[in-house]
N, C-alpha and C. Protein backbone atom coordinates (compact mmCIF):
# COMPACT_ATOMS: atom_id res chain seq x y z
N UNK A 1 0.79 -1.14 -0.21
CA UNK A 1 -0.08 -0.11 -0.15
C UNK A 1 0.88 1.34 -0.01
N UNK A 2 0.71 2.10 -0.99
CA UNK A 2 1.41 3.29 -1.07
C UNK A 2 0.64 4.51 -1.39
N UNK A 3 1.10 5.79 -1.21
CA UNK A 3 0.49 6.92 -1.40
C UNK A 3 0.95 7.43 -2.81
N UNK A 4 1.73 6.93 -3.43
CA UNK A 4 2.18 7.14 -4.62
C UNK A 4 1.06 6.82 -5.73
N UNK A 5 1.22 7.72 -6.84
CA UNK A 5 0.30 7.43 -7.68
C UNK A 5 0.81 6.26 -8.70
N UNK A 6 -0.33 5.56 -9.30
CA UNK A 6 -0.14 4.33 -10.01
C UNK A 6 -0.50 4.60 -11.53
N UNK A 7 0.30 3.95 -12.37
CA UNK A 7 0.03 4.18 -13.75
C UNK A 7 -0.77 2.80 -14.43
N UNK A 8 -1.11 1.67 -13.26
CA UNK A 8 -1.54 0.56 -13.68
C UNK A 8 -3.14 0.25 -13.44
N UNK A 9 -3.68 1.56 -13.01
CA UNK A 9 -5.35 1.46 -13.13
C UNK A 9 -5.88 0.82 -13.99
N UNK A 10 -6.86 -0.36 -13.84
CA UNK A 10 -7.71 -0.79 -14.91
C UNK A 10 -8.94 0.11 -15.54
N UNK A 11 -8.88 1.38 -14.87
CA UNK A 11 -10.11 2.34 -15.38
C UNK A 11 -9.37 3.36 -16.18
N UNK A 12 -7.77 3.50 -16.32
CA UNK A 12 -7.32 4.45 -17.30
C UNK A 12 -7.80 4.24 -18.77
N UNK A 13 -7.73 3.21 -18.94
CA UNK A 13 -8.13 2.98 -20.54
C UNK A 13 -9.44 2.86 -20.70
N UNK A 14 -10.14 3.03 -19.76
CA UNK A 14 -11.71 2.88 -19.95
C UNK A 14 -12.19 4.36 -20.70
N UNK A 15 -13.23 3.85 -21.46
CA UNK A 15 -13.95 5.25 -22.01
C UNK A 15 -14.96 5.94 -20.62
N UNK A 16 -15.29 7.03 -21.02
CA UNK A 16 -16.06 7.75 -19.51
C UNK A 16 -17.10 6.97 -19.14
N UNK A 17 -17.90 6.40 -20.20
CA UNK A 17 -19.08 5.40 -19.91
C UNK A 17 -18.93 4.33 -19.22
N UNK A 18 -17.77 3.81 -19.41
CA UNK A 18 -17.37 2.56 -18.81
C UNK A 18 -16.85 2.72 -17.51
N UNK A 19 -16.18 3.96 -17.14
CA UNK A 19 -15.79 4.16 -16.03
C UNK A 19 -17.06 4.71 -14.87
N UNK A 20 -17.97 5.24 -15.28
CA UNK A 20 -19.14 5.43 -14.68
C UNK A 20 -19.96 4.14 -14.45
N UNK A 21 -20.09 3.27 -15.34
CA UNK A 21 -20.56 1.98 -15.26
C UNK A 21 -19.83 1.23 -14.09
N UNK A 22 -18.64 1.28 -14.31
CA UNK A 22 -17.62 0.31 -13.33
C UNK A 22 -18.02 1.10 -11.76
N UNK A 23 -17.78 2.41 -11.76
CA UNK A 23 -17.94 2.86 -10.46
C UNK A 23 -19.44 2.76 -9.70
N UNK A 24 -20.37 2.70 -10.66
CA UNK A 24 -21.82 2.40 -10.41
C UNK A 24 -21.53 1.00 -9.71
N UNK A 25 -20.95 0.10 -10.47
CA UNK A 25 -21.32 -1.30 -10.02
C UNK A 25 -20.46 -1.48 -8.86
N UNK A 26 -19.55 -1.08 -8.60
CA UNK A 26 -18.86 -0.97 -7.30
C UNK A 26 -19.58 -0.71 -6.01
N UNK A 27 -20.03 0.50 -6.35
CA UNK A 27 -20.99 1.04 -5.10
C UNK A 27 -22.13 0.28 -5.05
N UNK A 28 -22.69 -0.38 -5.91
CA UNK A 28 -23.79 -1.40 -6.10
C UNK A 28 -23.43 -2.70 -5.01
N UNK A 29 -22.30 -3.24 -5.39
CA UNK A 29 -21.97 -4.49 -4.37
C UNK A 29 -21.80 -3.76 -2.90
N UNK A 30 -21.08 -2.76 -2.67
CA UNK A 30 -21.22 -2.11 -1.21
C UNK A 30 -22.48 -2.01 -0.68
N UNK A 31 -23.70 -1.55 -1.59
CA UNK A 31 -24.84 -1.30 -1.10
C UNK A 31 -25.81 -2.55 -0.83
N UNK A 32 -25.17 -3.80 -1.58
CA UNK A 32 -25.63 -4.94 -1.54
C UNK A 32 -25.28 -5.50 -0.09
N UNK A 33 -24.13 -5.16 0.10
CA UNK A 33 -23.32 -5.56 1.53
C UNK A 33 -24.00 -4.95 2.79
N UNK A 34 -24.84 -3.79 2.44
CA UNK A 34 -25.53 -2.79 3.56
C UNK A 34 -24.32 -2.17 3.91
N UNK A 35 -23.45 -1.61 3.57
CA UNK A 35 -22.39 -0.47 3.87
C UNK A 35 -22.92 0.90 3.58
N UNK A 36 -22.87 1.58 4.82
CA UNK A 36 -23.45 2.92 4.74
C UNK A 36 -22.68 3.82 3.95
N UNK A 37 -22.82 4.80 3.50
CA UNK A 37 -21.89 5.67 2.64
C UNK A 37 -20.68 6.21 3.06
N UNK A 38 -20.91 6.35 4.50
CA UNK A 38 -19.38 6.84 5.21
C UNK A 38 -18.84 5.81 5.43
N UNK A 39 -19.09 4.73 5.73
CA UNK A 39 -18.22 3.59 5.51
C UNK A 39 -17.61 2.99 4.14
N UNK A 40 -18.70 3.34 3.10
CA UNK A 40 -18.04 2.94 1.83
C UNK A 40 -16.66 3.72 1.41
N UNK A 41 -16.51 4.82 1.92
CA UNK A 41 -15.29 5.76 1.80
C UNK A 41 -14.40 4.91 2.49
N UNK A 42 -14.23 4.37 3.87
CA UNK A 42 -13.27 3.60 4.43
C UNK A 42 -12.84 2.28 3.38
N UNK A 43 -13.70 1.43 3.12
CA UNK A 43 -13.69 0.43 2.32
C UNK A 43 -13.29 0.58 0.84
N UNK A 44 -13.51 1.72 0.47
CA UNK A 44 -12.48 1.96 -0.82
C UNK A 44 -11.46 2.69 -0.96
N UNK A 45 -11.11 2.88 0.36
CA UNK A 45 -9.77 3.63 0.61
C UNK A 45 -9.57 5.03 0.13
N UNK A 46 -10.59 5.88 0.10
CA UNK A 46 -10.79 7.36 -0.48
C UNK A 46 -10.08 7.97 0.51
N UNK A 47 -9.34 9.23 0.28
CA UNK A 47 -8.95 10.14 1.20
C UNK A 47 -9.99 10.59 2.42
N UNK A 48 -9.23 10.70 3.60
CA UNK A 48 -10.15 10.88 4.71
C UNK A 48 -10.99 11.89 4.72
N UNK A 49 -10.72 13.02 4.02
CA UNK A 49 -11.45 14.16 3.66
C UNK A 49 -12.57 13.80 2.61
N UNK A 50 -12.89 12.86 2.03
CA UNK A 50 -14.04 12.43 1.48
C UNK A 50 -15.19 12.74 2.18
N UNK A 51 -16.25 13.31 1.47
CA UNK A 51 -17.61 13.25 2.20
C UNK A 51 -18.55 12.25 1.50
N UNK A 52 -19.35 12.05 2.39
CA UNK A 52 -20.39 11.18 1.86
C UNK A 52 -21.21 11.50 0.87
N UNK A 53 -21.22 12.84 0.55
CA UNK A 53 -22.08 12.85 -0.67
C UNK A 53 -21.26 12.47 -1.96
N UNK A 54 -19.95 12.26 -2.04
CA UNK A 54 -19.44 11.74 -2.93
C UNK A 54 -19.80 10.45 -3.69
N UNK A 55 -20.04 9.53 -2.55
CA UNK A 55 -20.54 8.47 -2.51
C UNK A 55 -21.91 8.23 -3.65
N UNK A 56 -22.65 9.43 -3.09
CA UNK A 56 -23.69 9.65 -3.76
C UNK A 56 -23.77 9.94 -5.12
N UNK A 57 -22.72 10.66 -5.47
CA UNK A 57 -22.19 11.24 -6.73
C UNK A 57 -21.80 9.82 -7.85
N UNK A 58 -20.93 9.16 -7.04
CA UNK A 58 -20.62 7.70 -7.60
C UNK A 58 -21.83 6.96 -7.98
N UNK A 59 -22.74 6.81 -6.95
CA UNK A 59 -24.01 5.89 -7.10
C UNK A 59 -24.74 6.68 -8.26
N UNK A 60 -24.91 8.03 -8.24
CA UNK A 60 -25.76 8.51 -9.43
C UNK A 60 -25.20 8.61 -10.64
N UNK A 61 -23.63 8.31 -10.98
CA UNK A 61 -23.31 8.52 -11.88
C UNK A 61 -22.73 9.73 -12.52
N UNK A 62 -22.76 10.35 -11.67
CA UNK A 62 -22.04 11.67 -11.90
C UNK A 62 -20.76 12.22 -11.55
N UNK A 63 -19.88 10.88 -11.20
CA UNK A 63 -18.46 11.05 -10.86
C UNK A 63 -18.03 9.60 -11.02
N UNK A 64 -16.69 9.52 -11.20
CA UNK A 64 -15.91 8.27 -11.01
C UNK A 64 -14.80 8.29 -9.95
N UNK A 65 -14.43 7.11 -9.87
CA UNK A 65 -13.46 6.89 -8.83
C UNK A 65 -12.30 7.39 -9.46
N UNK A 66 -11.05 8.06 -8.74
CA UNK A 66 -9.89 8.35 -9.30
C UNK A 66 -9.22 7.29 -9.69
N UNK A 67 -8.86 7.53 -10.96
CA UNK A 67 -8.00 6.55 -11.79
C UNK A 67 -6.62 6.19 -11.30
N UNK A 68 -5.96 7.40 -10.79
CA UNK A 68 -4.77 7.03 -10.65
C UNK A 68 -4.33 6.92 -9.12
N UNK A 69 -5.20 6.99 -8.17
CA UNK A 69 -4.77 6.66 -6.70
C UNK A 69 -4.51 5.38 -6.53
N UNK A 70 -3.11 4.94 -6.36
CA UNK A 70 -2.81 3.58 -6.03
C UNK A 70 -3.75 2.95 -4.70
N UNK A 71 -3.68 3.60 -3.79
CA UNK A 71 -4.61 2.95 -2.81
C UNK A 71 -6.03 2.77 -2.83
N UNK A 72 -6.64 3.40 -3.75
CA UNK A 72 -7.94 3.30 -4.28
C UNK A 72 -7.93 2.24 -4.92
N UNK A 73 -6.91 1.88 -5.93
CA UNK A 73 -6.89 0.77 -6.79
C UNK A 73 -6.64 -0.42 -5.95
N UNK A 74 -5.90 -0.47 -5.05
CA UNK A 74 -5.75 -1.81 -4.29
C UNK A 74 -6.89 -2.04 -3.63
N UNK A 75 -7.55 -1.09 -3.00
CA UNK A 75 -8.80 -1.34 -2.24
C UNK A 75 -9.96 -2.08 -3.18
N UNK A 76 -10.07 -1.27 -4.51
CA UNK A 76 -10.89 -1.64 -5.36
C UNK A 76 -10.79 -3.20 -5.69
N UNK A 77 -9.25 -3.47 -5.94
CA UNK A 77 -9.14 -4.84 -6.37
C UNK A 77 -9.39 -5.82 -5.36
N UNK A 78 -9.33 -5.59 -4.13
CA UNK A 78 -9.73 -6.60 -2.94
C UNK A 78 -11.32 -6.48 -2.89
N UNK A 79 -12.02 -5.57 -3.17
CA UNK A 79 -13.41 -5.67 -3.04
C UNK A 79 -13.98 -6.20 -4.14
N UNK A 80 -13.44 -6.20 -5.36
CA UNK A 80 -13.88 -6.99 -6.42
C UNK A 80 -13.57 -8.64 -6.36
N UNK A 81 -12.21 -8.73 -5.86
CA UNK A 81 -12.12 -10.13 -5.33
C UNK A 81 -13.02 -10.82 -4.58
N UNK A 82 -13.26 -10.18 -3.49
CA UNK A 82 -14.26 -10.30 -2.40
C UNK A 82 -15.58 -11.10 -3.00
N UNK A 83 -16.09 -9.87 -3.76
CA UNK A 83 -17.43 -10.01 -4.50
C UNK A 83 -17.40 -11.25 -5.44
N UNK A 84 -16.51 -11.31 -6.00
CA UNK A 84 -16.22 -12.55 -7.16
C UNK A 84 -16.07 -13.86 -6.36
N UNK A 85 -15.43 -13.93 -5.18
CA UNK A 85 -15.35 -14.95 -4.50
C UNK A 85 -16.70 -15.60 -3.81
N UNK A 86 -17.62 -14.36 -3.30
CA UNK A 86 -19.11 -14.68 -2.78
C UNK A 86 -19.80 -14.96 -3.80
N UNK A 87 -19.68 -14.53 -5.39
CA UNK A 87 -20.75 -15.26 -6.15
C UNK A 87 -20.24 -16.43 -6.47
N UNK A 88 -18.88 -16.79 -6.54
CA UNK A 88 -18.39 -18.20 -6.84
C UNK A 88 -19.07 -19.14 -5.68
N UNK A 89 -19.08 -18.88 -4.41
CA UNK A 89 -19.48 -19.61 -3.56
C UNK A 89 -20.92 -19.96 -3.40
N UNK A 90 -21.88 -18.70 -3.90
CA UNK A 90 -23.26 -18.85 -4.14
C UNK A 90 -23.52 -18.32 -5.21
N UNK A 91 -23.61 -19.36 -6.37
CA UNK A 91 -23.83 -18.95 -7.68
C UNK A 91 -25.41 -18.69 -7.95
N UNK A 92 -26.13 -19.19 -6.89
CA UNK A 92 -27.68 -19.22 -7.10
C UNK A 92 -28.47 -18.20 -6.37
N UNK A 93 -27.53 -17.66 -5.29
CA UNK A 93 -28.29 -16.68 -4.64
C UNK A 93 -27.55 -15.58 -4.52
N UNK A 94 -27.78 -14.53 -5.03
CA UNK A 94 -27.07 -13.25 -5.35
C UNK A 94 -26.98 -12.46 -4.01
N UNK A 95 -28.33 -12.69 -3.29
CA UNK A 95 -28.06 -12.19 -1.82
C UNK A 95 -27.34 -12.99 -0.54
N UNK A 96 -26.88 -14.04 -0.99
CA UNK A 96 -26.13 -14.77 0.09
C UNK A 96 -24.81 -13.96 0.45
N UNK A 97 -23.83 -13.21 -0.32
CA UNK A 97 -22.79 -12.77 0.12
C UNK A 97 -23.11 -11.20 0.68
N UNK A 98 -24.29 -10.53 0.70
CA UNK A 98 -24.35 -9.79 1.50
C UNK A 98 -24.83 -10.18 2.99
N UNK A 99 -25.48 -11.24 3.02
CA UNK A 99 -25.50 -11.87 4.16
C UNK A 99 -24.70 -12.39 4.78
N UNK A 100 -23.57 -12.87 4.11
CA UNK A 100 -22.51 -13.71 4.67
C UNK A 100 -21.51 -12.39 5.43
N UNK A 101 -21.48 -11.43 4.56
CA UNK A 101 -20.76 -10.30 5.11
C UNK A 101 -21.17 -9.48 6.29
N UNK A 102 -22.36 -9.78 6.67
CA UNK A 102 -22.92 -9.43 8.12
C UNK A 102 -23.46 -10.37 9.12
N UNK A 103 -22.86 -11.70 8.95
CA UNK A 103 -22.98 -12.53 9.88
C UNK A 103 -21.73 -12.53 10.46
N UNK A 104 -21.85 -12.94 12.10
CA UNK A 104 -20.80 -13.11 12.71
C UNK A 104 -20.05 -14.13 12.53
N UNK A 105 -18.52 -14.15 12.34
CA UNK A 105 -17.90 -15.26 12.01
C UNK A 105 -16.72 -15.29 13.01
N UNK A 106 -16.52 -16.48 13.53
CA UNK A 106 -15.31 -16.81 14.65
C UNK A 106 -13.94 -16.56 13.95
N UNK A 107 -13.69 -16.71 12.50
CA UNK A 107 -12.63 -16.17 11.93
C UNK A 107 -12.17 -14.69 12.27
N UNK A 108 -13.26 -13.79 12.47
CA UNK A 108 -12.82 -12.74 12.53
C UNK A 108 -13.01 -12.07 13.94
N UNK A 109 -12.79 -12.87 15.03
CA UNK A 109 -12.93 -12.43 16.24
C UNK A 109 -14.24 -12.44 16.76
N UNK A 110 -15.31 -13.19 16.04
CA UNK A 110 -16.67 -12.90 16.30
C UNK A 110 -17.13 -11.74 16.06
N UNK A 111 -16.75 -11.11 15.06
CA UNK A 111 -17.24 -9.97 14.32
C UNK A 111 -17.89 -10.54 12.99
N UNK A 112 -18.73 -9.75 12.36
CA UNK A 112 -18.79 -9.87 10.96
C UNK A 112 -17.75 -9.60 9.95
N UNK A 113 -17.55 -10.25 9.05
CA UNK A 113 -16.55 -9.53 7.96
C UNK A 113 -16.50 -8.23 7.60
N UNK A 114 -17.67 -7.74 7.70
CA UNK A 114 -18.04 -6.20 6.97
C UNK A 114 -17.38 -5.35 8.20
N UNK A 115 -17.57 -5.94 9.60
CA UNK A 115 -17.27 -4.95 10.47
C UNK A 115 -15.74 -5.13 10.91
N UNK A 116 -15.12 -6.49 10.74
CA UNK A 116 -13.70 -6.56 10.69
C UNK A 116 -12.79 -5.75 9.52
N UNK A 117 -13.59 -5.79 8.61
CA UNK A 117 -12.99 -4.58 7.58
C UNK A 117 -12.81 -3.11 7.59
N UNK A 118 -14.05 -2.85 8.15
CA UNK A 118 -14.29 -1.30 8.74
C UNK A 118 -13.25 -0.99 9.73
N UNK A 119 -12.96 -1.88 10.86
CA UNK A 119 -12.26 -1.82 12.00
C UNK A 119 -10.93 -1.68 11.73
N UNK A 120 -10.39 -2.51 10.88
CA UNK A 120 -8.89 -3.03 10.61
C UNK A 120 -8.47 -2.41 9.57
N UNK A 121 -9.32 -2.22 8.61
CA UNK A 121 -8.49 -1.66 7.16
C UNK A 121 -8.11 -2.66 6.13
N UNK A 122 -7.08 -2.38 5.62
CA UNK A 122 -6.62 -3.26 4.71
C UNK A 122 -6.43 -4.61 5.09
N UNK A 123 -5.65 -4.73 6.30
CA UNK A 123 -5.30 -5.97 6.90
C UNK A 123 -6.68 -6.88 7.08
N UNK A 124 -7.84 -6.67 7.50
CA UNK A 124 -8.94 -7.48 7.53
C UNK A 124 -9.46 -7.59 5.89
N UNK A 125 -9.52 -6.50 5.19
CA UNK A 125 -9.97 -6.58 3.65
C UNK A 125 -9.25 -7.74 3.09
N UNK A 126 -7.78 -7.96 3.18
CA UNK A 126 -7.04 -8.85 2.82
C UNK A 126 -7.53 -10.23 3.26
N UNK A 127 -7.45 -10.06 4.52
CA UNK A 127 -7.74 -11.60 5.42
C UNK A 127 -9.34 -12.07 5.04
N UNK A 128 -10.44 -11.17 4.80
CA UNK A 128 -11.73 -11.82 4.14
C UNK A 128 -11.47 -12.30 2.58
N UNK A 129 -10.59 -11.58 1.87
CA UNK A 129 -10.63 -12.16 0.56
C UNK A 129 -9.97 -13.52 0.74
N UNK A 130 -8.65 -13.53 1.62
CA UNK A 130 -8.03 -14.97 1.36
C UNK A 130 -8.84 -15.89 2.04
N UNK A 131 -9.79 -15.64 3.06
CA UNK A 131 -10.78 -16.52 3.77
C UNK A 131 -11.82 -17.14 2.65
N UNK A 132 -12.08 -16.21 1.59
CA UNK A 132 -13.00 -16.56 0.72
C UNK A 132 -12.66 -17.30 -0.84
N UNK A 133 -11.25 -16.65 -1.07
CA UNK A 133 -10.72 -17.26 -2.02
C UNK A 133 -9.20 -17.74 -2.04
N UNK A 134 -9.27 -19.29 -2.00
CA UNK A 134 -8.24 -20.00 -1.87
C UNK A 134 -7.08 -19.68 -3.09
N UNK A 135 -7.56 -19.53 -3.98
CA UNK A 135 -6.69 -19.22 -5.16
C UNK A 135 -5.87 -17.84 -5.08
N UNK A 136 -6.53 -16.98 -4.61
CA UNK A 136 -5.69 -15.72 -3.97
C UNK A 136 -4.72 -15.79 -2.73
N UNK A 137 -5.13 -16.76 -2.02
CA UNK A 137 -4.26 -17.13 -1.05
C UNK A 137 -3.10 -17.89 -1.66
N UNK A 138 -3.14 -18.91 -2.55
CA UNK A 138 -2.37 -19.51 -2.80
C UNK A 138 -1.30 -18.57 -3.90
N UNK A 139 -1.94 -17.82 -4.36
CA UNK A 139 -1.00 -16.73 -5.14
C UNK A 139 0.16 -16.05 -4.43
N UNK A 140 -0.60 -15.16 -3.01
CA UNK A 140 0.22 -14.77 -2.37
C UNK A 140 1.11 -15.39 -1.45
N UNK A 141 1.12 -16.64 -1.35
CA UNK A 141 1.84 -17.42 -0.51
C UNK A 141 2.94 -18.15 -1.02
N UNK A 142 3.14 -17.86 -2.45
CA UNK A 142 4.48 -18.33 -3.26
C UNK A 142 5.43 -17.31 -3.02
């Protein structure tokens, strides 16, 4: 994790309409997990001075995530990885992922995965991803 700007953002090469769709889809994931707007700022790794109204702007499609912020890109990668793993685990029930994120889990010290991610930041975000996605765990343990 770094404050430096990255040139490897997947959004950089997207057309503006694709960036808007991507941003709205990520916000929809967090909405499905029942994450409050202020907490979405934390899960997206947005700057501390970001206001909740920015999340509403993303949701409405009037702005997009910053394309050159390596911190945001790292958080986005993990959020998308978690969502993908939840969808793979529950292919017939799209609501199951949101339920899992909000159910107490002893793996996260008897907290919900969502609370663990909000309280511990990137370390628990990665821990949730590893818990759900054995392929990701295999990849980083090499």
